[in-house]
Amino acid sequence: MDTNIEEAVRLARVAREKGAVFCLMPENVGLLGPGGAMRDQATPEHSHPALSSFRDLCAKTGMWILVGSLAILRDDGRLANRSFLINGTGDLAARYDKIHMFDVDLENGEQYRESDSYAPGTAAQLAETPWGLIGLTICYDVRFPLLYRTLAQEGAAMI
């Protein structure tokens, strides 16, 4: 995970040096791997190394970062696929836990069960930015238009 975090921070710094003021990162930016690897590397929010690194970068550069998501270990032992919006002072402006889990049975027999490891979120999330309200979603959420309608009706200028 450390290599992924270091590279994400490096690339965000390059973007900032080229004038970026808002950096959007992908889902599982800290690590992507099989469920066991994700669980082994997951840590609670307060001690997550990627979140600390990104908050520090924002505080030092004034850039905002939308962390697409990190695997966060919850108190109940399950994981949250959690997105974070970090403002230009390094403070958390918003958090969002992915609502819609990717559970699928493919014709070739392969199965994906995100819900085996992850607990779904329960609420849509809007956050104020200098560029307007942003609605937070993660990956598979895109297949559920009601979430996007809700965010738009509540005033999201960006999703």
C-alpha atoms as a PDB file:
ATOM      1  CA  MET A   1       0.000   0.000   0.000  1.00  0.00           C
ATOM      2  CA  ASP A   2       2.833   2.434   0.774  1.00  0.00           C
ATOM      3  CA  THR A   3       3.999   2.422  -2.855  1.00  0.00           C
ATOM      4  CA  ASN A   4       0.498   3.258  -4.094  1.00  0.00           C
ATOM      5  CA  ILE A   5       0.146   6.101  -1.594  1.00  0.00           C
ATOM      6  CA  GLU A   6       3.561   7.542  -2.436  1.00  0.00           C
ATOM      7  CA  GLU A   7       2.779   7.467  -6.158  1.00  0.00           C
ATOM      8  CA  ALA A   8      -0.657   9.047  -5.682  1.00  0.00           C
ATOM      9  CA  VAL A   9       0.879  11.834  -3.579  1.00  0.00           C
ATOM     10  CA  ARG A  10       3.655  12.347  -6.143  1.00  0.00           C
ATOM     11  CA  LEU A  11       1.182  12.619  -9.008  1.00  0.00           C
ATOM     12  CA  ALA A  12      -1.062  14.978  -7.037  1.00  0.00           C
ATOM     13  CA  ARG A  13       1.970  17.197  -6.342  1.00  0.00           C
ATOM     14  CA  VAL A  14       2.773  17.266 -10.055  1.00  0.00           C
ATOM     15  CA  ALA A  15      -0.831  18.225 -10.798  1.00  0.00           C
ATOM     16  CA  ARG A  16      -0.659  21.014  -8.207  1.00  0.00           C
ATOM     17  CA  GLU A  17       2.618  22.311  -9.660  1.00  0.00           C
ATOM     18  CA  LYS A  18       0.862  22.488 -13.044  1.00  0.00           C
ATOM     19  CA  GLY A  19      -1.961  24.555 -11.572  1.00  0.00           C
ATOM     20  CA  ALA A  20      -4.546  22.030 -10.373  1.00  0.00           C
ATOM     21  CA  VAL A  21      -6.616  23.208  -7.420  1.00  0.00           C
ATOM     22  CA  PHE A  22      -8.860  20.128  -7.150  1.00  0.00           C
ATOM     23  CA  CYS A  23      -7.583  16.574  -7.566  1.00  0.00           C
ATOM     24  CA  LEU A  24      -9.970  13.641  -7.967  1.00  0.00           C
ATOM     25  CA  MET A  25      -8.594  10.187  -7.199  1.00  0.00           C
ATOM     26  CA  PRO A  26     -10.003   6.751  -8.071  1.00  0.00           C
ATOM     27  CA  GLU A  27     -11.809   4.174  -5.980  1.00  0.00           C
ATOM     28  CA  ASN A  28      -9.403   2.195  -3.777  1.00  0.00           C
ATOM     29  CA  VAL A  29      -6.567   4.619  -4.480  1.00  0.00           C
ATOM     30  CA  GLY A  30      -4.538   3.193  -1.576  1.00  0.00           C
ATOM     31  CA  LEU A  31      -4.682  -0.427  -2.705  1.00  0.00           C
ATOM     32  CA  LEU A  32      -6.696  -2.598  -5.026  1.00  0.00           C
ATOM     33  CA  GLY A  33      -6.583  -6.349  -4.674  1.00  0.00           C
ATOM     34  CA  PRO A  34      -8.539  -9.437  -3.743  1.00  0.00           C
ATOM     35  CA  GLY A  35     -10.866  -9.170  -0.744  1.00  0.00           C
ATOM     36  CA  GLY A  36      -8.344 -10.747   1.627  1.00  0.00           C
ATOM     37  CA  ALA A  37      -5.639  -8.258   0.665  1.00  0.00           C
ATOM     38  CA  MET A  38      -8.029  -5.368   1.130  1.00  0.00           C
ATOM     39  CA  ARG A  39      -9.028  -6.619   4.578  1.00  0.00           C
ATOM     40  CA  ASP A  40      -5.398  -7.193   5.606  1.00  0.00           C
ATOM     41  CA  GLN A  41      -4.416  -3.639   4.626  1.00  0.00           C
ATOM     42  CA  ALA A  42      -7.526  -1.849   5.905  1.00  0.00           C
ATOM     43  CA  THR A  43      -7.130   0.350   8.970  1.00  0.00           C
ATOM     44  CA  PRO A  44      -9.501   2.566  10.928  1.00  0.00           C
ATOM     45  CA  GLU A  45     -10.066   6.041   9.524  1.00  0.00           C
ATOM     46  CA  HIS A  46      -8.155   7.801  12.316  1.00  0.00           C
ATOM     47  CA  SER A  47      -4.951   5.874  11.531  1.00  0.00           C
ATOM     48  CA  HIS A  48      -5.207   5.282   7.780  1.00  0.00           C
ATOM     49  CA  PRO A  49      -1.831   6.122   6.202  1.00  0.00           C
ATOM     50  CA  ALA A  50      -3.284   7.225   2.863  1.00  0.00           C
ATOM     51  CA  LEU A  51      -5.778   9.574   4.464  1.00  0.00           C
ATOM     52  CA  SER A  52      -3.042  11.115   6.617  1.00  0.00           C
ATOM     53  CA  SER A  53      -0.802  11.582   3.578  1.00  0.00           C
ATOM     54  CA  PHE A  54      -3.537  13.207   1.508  1.00  0.00           C
ATOM     55  CA  ARG A  55      -4.608  15.510   4.344  1.00  0.00           C
ATOM     56  CA  ASP A  56      -0.999  16.596   4.833  1.00  0.00           C
ATOM     57  CA  LEU A  57      -0.622  17.270   1.109  1.00  0.00           C
ATOM     58  CA  CYS A  58      -3.755  19.439   1.071  1.00  0.00           C
ATOM     59  CA  ALA A  59      -2.604  21.390   4.126  1.00  0.00           C
ATOM     60  CA  LYS A  60       0.790  22.071   2.533  1.00  0.00           C
ATOM     61  CA  THR A  61      -0.421  22.952  -0.965  1.00  0.00           C
ATOM     62  CA  GLY A  62      -3.910  24.396  -0.503  1.00  0.00           C
ATOM     63  CA  MET A  63      -5.263  21.902  -3.032  1.00  0.00           C
ATOM     64  CA  TRP A  64      -8.561  20.082  -2.477  1.00  0.00           C
ATOM     65  CA  ILE A  65      -8.595  16.299  -2.957  1.00  0.00           C
ATOM     66  CA  LEU A  66     -11.520  13.975  -3.479  1.00  0.00           C
ATOM     67  CA  VAL A  67     -10.190  10.587  -2.403  1.00  0.00           C
ATOM     68  CA  GLY A  68     -12.269   8.249  -4.579  1.00  0.00           C
ATOM     69  CA  SER A  69     -12.257   5.707  -1.783  1.00  0.00           C
ATOM     70  CA  LEU A  70     -10.191   3.849   0.765  1.00  0.00           C
ATOM     71  CA  ALA A  71     -10.879   0.548   2.504  1.00  0.00           C
ATOM     72  CA  ILE A  72     -11.654   1.610   6.066  1.00  0.00           C
ATOM     73  CA  LEU A  73     -11.887  -0.880   8.921  1.00  0.00           C
ATOM     74  CA  ARG A  74     -15.066  -0.196  10.867  1.00  0.00           C
ATOM     75  CA  ASP A  75     -15.556  -0.834  14.582  1.00  0.00           C
ATOM     76  CA  ASP A  76     -17.694  -3.893  13.792  1.00  0.00           C
ATOM     77  CA  GLY A  77     -14.856  -5.539  11.831  1.00  0.00           C
ATOM     78  CA  ARG A  78     -16.411  -4.993   8.406  1.00  0.00           C
ATOM     79  CA  LEU A  79     -14.971  -2.684   5.781  1.00  0.00           C
ATOM     80  CA  ALA A  80     -16.380   0.564   4.472  1.00  0.00           C
ATOM     81  CA  ASN A  81     -15.623   1.649   0.914  1.00  0.00           C
ATOM     82  CA  ARG A  82     -15.315   5.283   1.969  1.00  0.00           C
ATOM     83  CA  SER A  83     -14.717   8.435  -0.054  1.00  0.00           C
ATOM     84  CA  PHE A  84     -13.240  11.547   1.543  1.00  0.00           C
ATOM     85  CA  LEU A  85     -13.356  15.168   0.458  1.00  0.00           C
ATOM     86  CA  ILE A  86     -10.362  17.034   1.901  1.00  0.00           C
ATOM     87  CA  ASN A  87     -10.284  20.821   1.754  1.00  0.00           C
ATOM     88  CA  GLY A  88      -7.318  23.104   1.126  1.00  0.00           C
ATOM     89  CA  THR A  89      -6.412  23.281   4.818  1.00  0.00           C
ATOM     90  CA  GLY A  90      -6.294  19.492   5.171  1.00  0.00           C
ATOM     91  CA  ASP A  91      -9.604  19.200   7.012  1.00  0.00           C
ATOM     92  CA  LEU A  92     -12.205  16.593   6.117  1.00  0.00           C
ATOM     93  CA  ALA A  93     -15.047  18.405   4.372  1.00  0.00           C
ATOM     94  CA  ALA A  94     -17.120  15.236   3.836  1.00  0.00           C
ATOM     95  CA  ARG A  95     -17.189  11.448   3.985  1.00  0.00           C
ATOM     96  CA  TYR A  96     -19.326   9.054   1.981  1.00  0.00           C
ATOM     97  CA  ASP A  97     -19.690   5.282   2.309  1.00  0.00           C
ATOM     98  CA  LYS A  98     -20.566   3.515  -0.937  1.00  0.00           C
ATOM     99  CA  ILE A  99     -24.240   2.570  -0.831  1.00  0.00           C
ATOM    100  CA  HIS A 100     -24.565   0.066  -3.676  1.00  0.00           C
ATOM    101  CA  MET A 101     -22.416  -3.045  -3.363  1.00  0.00           C
ATOM    102  CA  PHE A 102     -21.187  -4.810  -6.498  1.00  0.00           C
ATOM    103  CA  ASP A 103     -22.559  -8.343  -6.208  1.00  0.00           C
ATOM    104  CA  VAL A 104     -22.758 -10.268  -9.475  1.00  0.00           C
ATOM    105  CA  ASP A 105     -22.844 -13.812 -10.859  1.00  0.00           C
ATOM    106  CA  LEU A 106     -21.278 -14.007 -14.317  1.00  0.00           C
ATOM    107  CA  GLU A 107     -22.275 -16.521 -16.981  1.00  0.00           C
ATOM    108  CA  ASN A 108     -18.824 -18.141 -16.789  1.00  0.00           C
ATOM    109  CA  GLY A 109     -19.388 -18.964 -13.121  1.00  0.00           C
ATOM    110  CA  GLU A 110     -17.291 -16.155 -11.663  1.00  0.00           C
ATOM    111  CA  GLN A 111     -18.813 -14.349  -8.717  1.00  0.00           C
ATOM    112  CA  TYR A 112     -18.059 -10.997  -7.170  1.00  0.00           C
ATOM    113  CA  ARG A 113     -19.502 -10.250  -3.749  1.00  0.00           C
ATOM    114  CA  GLU A 114     -18.447  -6.865  -2.478  1.00  0.00           C
ATOM    115  CA  SER A 115     -21.043  -7.269   0.269  1.00  0.00           C
ATOM    116  CA  ASP A 116     -19.107 -10.235   1.710  1.00  0.00           C
ATOM    117  CA  SER A 117     -16.485  -7.812   3.040  1.00  0.00           C
ATOM    118  CA  TYR A 118     -18.017  -4.357   2.833  1.00  0.00           C
ATOM    119  CA  ALA A 119     -20.926  -2.843   4.713  1.00  0.00           C
ATOM    120  CA  PRO A 120     -23.032  -0.507   2.560  1.00  0.00           C
ATOM    121  CA  GLY A 121     -23.484   3.132   3.371  1.00  0.00           C
ATOM    122  CA  THR A 122     -26.932   4.455   4.146  1.00  0.00           C
ATOM    123  CA  ALA A 123     -27.112   8.081   3.013  1.00  0.00           C
ATOM    124  CA  ALA A 124     -26.404  10.346   0.067  1.00  0.00           C
ATOM    125  CA  GLN A 125     -23.753  12.982   0.773  1.00  0.00           C
ATOM    126  CA  LEU A 126     -23.401  16.549  -0.461  1.00  0.00           C
ATOM    127  CA  ALA A 127     -20.501  18.843   0.372  1.00  0.00           C
ATOM    128  CA  GLU A 128     -19.770  22.513  -0.199  1.00  0.00           C
ATOM    129  CA  THR A 129     -16.669  23.381  -2.234  1.00  0.00           C
ATOM    130  CA  PRO A 130     -15.398  26.677  -3.671  1.00  0.00           C
ATOM    131  CA  TRP A 131     -16.852  25.494  -7.007  1.00  0.00           C
ATOM    132  CA  GLY A 132     -20.317  24.625  -5.721  1.00  0.00           C
ATOM    133  CA  LEU A 133     -22.015  21.649  -4.111  1.00  0.00           C
ATOM    134  CA  ILE A 134     -20.583  18.251  -4.953  1.00  0.00           C
ATOM    135  CA  GLY A 135     -22.452  14.986  -4.615  1.00  0.00           C
ATOM    136  CA  LEU A 136     -20.293  12.049  -3.599  1.00  0.00           C
ATOM    137  CA  THR A 137     -20.697   8.604  -5.160  1.00  0.00           C
ATOM    138  CA  ILE A 138     -18.429   5.626  -5.775  1.00  0.00           C
ATOM    139  CA  CYS A 139     -18.177   3.411  -8.869  1.00  0.00           C
ATOM    140  CA  TYR A 140     -21.156   1.017  -8.999  1.00  0.00           C
ATOM    141  CA  ASP A 141     -23.419   3.694  -7.514  1.00  0.00           C
ATOM    142  CA  VAL A 142     -23.587   5.031 -11.085  1.00  0.00           C
ATOM    143  CA  ARG A 143     -26.021   2.235 -11.978  1.00  0.00           C
ATOM    144  CA  PHE A 144     -28.632   3.600  -9.587  1.00  0.00           C
ATOM    145  CA  PRO A 145     -30.129   6.798 -11.008  1.00  0.00           C
ATOM    146  CA  LEU A 146     -32.259   7.560  -7.959  1.00  0.00           C
ATOM    147  CA  LEU A 147     -29.102   8.414  -6.000  1.00  0.00           C
ATOM    148  CA  TYR A 148     -28.032  10.856  -8.720  1.00  0.00           C
ATOM    149  CA  ARG A 149     -31.515  12.347  -8.961  1.00  0.00           C
ATOM    150  CA  THR A 150     -31.532  12.856  -5.196  1.00  0.00           C
ATOM    151  CA  LEU A 151     -28.136  14.589  -5.276  1.00  0.00           C
ATOM    152  CA  ALA A 152     -29.201  16.820  -8.178  1.00  0.00           C
ATOM    153  CA  GLN A 153     -32.503  17.721  -6.535  1.00  0.00           C
ATOM    154  CA  GLU A 154     -30.628  18.657  -3.376  1.00  0.00           C
ATOM    155  CA  GLY A 155     -28.487  21.094  -5.352  1.00  0.00           C
ATOM    156  CA  ALA A 156     -25.382  19.223  -6.510  1.00  0.00           C
ATOM    157  CA  ALA A 157     -23.551  21.195  -9.192  1.00  0.00           C
ATOM    158  CA  MET A 158     -21.088  18.315  -9.621  1.00  0.00           C
ATOM    159  CA  ILE A 159     -21.345  14.572  -9.044  1.00  0.00           C
END
